[in-house]
Protein backbone atom coordinates (compact mmCIF):
# COMPACT_ATOMS: atom_id res chain seq x y z
CA MET A 1 0.03 0.01 0.03
CA ALA A 2 1.18 3.54 -0.82
CA ASP A 3 2.33 5.94 1.82
CA THR A 4 -0.11 8.61 2.93
CA THR A 5 0.94 12.23 3.00
CA THR A 6 -0.90 14.89 4.98
CA MET A 7 -0.81 18.32 3.42
CA THR A 8 -2.17 21.67 4.61
CA VAL A 9 -3.64 24.13 2.20
CA ARG A 10 -4.77 27.59 3.08
CA LEU A 11 -7.60 29.16 1.04
CA SER A 12 -9.30 32.44 1.54
CA GLY A 13 -11.91 34.62 -0.10
CA MET A 14 -13.45 33.35 -3.30
CA LEU A 15 -11.50 30.04 -3.35
CA SER A 16 -12.60 29.18 0.17
CA GLU A 17 -16.19 30.07 -0.68
CA PHE A 18 -16.06 27.96 -3.81
CA VAL A 19 -14.79 24.92 -1.98
CA ALA A 20 -17.41 25.40 0.69
CA GLU A 21 -20.14 25.39 -1.99
CA ASN A 22 -18.85 22.03 -3.37
CA VAL A 23 -18.54 20.27 0.04
CA GLY A 24 -21.15 19.25 2.59
CA GLU A 25 -24.90 18.73 2.43
CA ASN A 26 -25.41 20.91 -0.69
CA GLY A 27 -22.16 19.99 -2.45
CA ALA A 28 -21.04 17.10 -4.55
CA TYR A 29 -18.45 16.01 -2.02
CA GLU A 30 -18.71 14.86 1.56
CA ASN A 31 -15.48 16.59 2.70
CA VAL A 32 -12.67 18.78 1.45
CA SER A 33 -10.25 15.81 1.28
CA GLU A 34 -12.53 13.92 -1.09
CA TYR A 35 -12.83 17.10 -3.20
CA ILE A 36 -9.09 17.68 -3.42
CA ARG A 37 -8.38 14.01 -4.27
CA ASP A 38 -10.84 14.16 -7.10
CA LEU A 39 -9.32 17.43 -8.43
CA ILE A 40 -5.81 15.82 -8.36
CA ARG A 41 -7.04 12.64 -10.14
CA ARG A 42 -8.73 14.72 -12.84
CA ASP A 43 -5.56 16.87 -13.31
CA LYS A 44 -3.41 13.74 -13.52
CA GLU A 45 -5.74 12.26 -16.12
CA ARG A 46 -5.57 15.58 -18.10
CA VAL A 47 -1.82 15.59 -18.07
CA GLU A 48 -1.67 11.97 -19.17
CA ARG A 49 -4.28 12.65 -21.93
CA GLU A 50 -2.33 15.60 -23.17
CA ALA A 51 0.91 13.59 -23.33
CA PHE A 52 -0.94 10.79 -25.20
CA ASP A 53 -2.42 13.33 -27.67
CA ARG A 54 1.02 14.85 -28.33
CA LEU A 55 2.47 11.35 -28.95
CA LYS A 56 -0.48 10.44 -31.15
CA ALA A 57 0.01 13.67 -33.20
CA GLU A 58 3.67 12.92 -33.67
CA LEU A 59 3.02 9.42 -34.79
CA THR A 60 0.26 10.53 -37.15
CA HIS A 61 2.66 13.01 -38.70
CA ALA A 62 5.44 10.41 -38.98
CA PHE A 63 3.21 7.85 -40.59
CA ALA A 64 1.88 10.39 -43.05
CA ALA A 65 5.40 11.16 -44.43
CA PRO A 66 6.35 9.56 -47.69
CA GLU A 67 8.33 6.35 -47.27
CA GLU A 68 11.36 7.75 -49.14
CA THR A 69 11.82 10.28 -46.34
CA TYR A 70 12.51 7.48 -43.83
CA LYS A 71 16.09 6.59 -43.11
CA PRO A 72 17.47 3.71 -41.12
CA LEU A 73 18.84 4.53 -37.64
CA ALA A 74 20.68 2.45 -35.17
CA ALA A 75 19.31 2.38 -31.62
CA ALA A 76 22.33 4.38 -30.35
CA GLU A 77 21.59 7.16 -32.80
CA VAL A 78 17.98 7.36 -31.72
CA ILE A 79 19.07 7.46 -28.00
CA THR A 80 21.59 10.21 -28.80
CA ARG A 81 19.12 12.21 -30.74
CA ASN A 82 16.49 11.98 -28.01
CA ARG A 83 18.89 13.12 -25.26
CA SER A 84 19.61 16.40 -26.98
């Protein structure tokens, strides 16, 4: 099982009010921790989706290139190119 980390976040003004509206009897979440965990999960999914979309776009572009533009590369050349 993963370690648990306790974090403290201070909110004031409009942010605090917004959280309060989303938590409790009238909100979608039972408590602030549940709300924050859901926000973090959604953000993680967004970051992963954006990375996948970038990779998909690169592959689509690569596969659309005419075959004569391809050139053979050794694994070491690819590694060197990707490190720079």
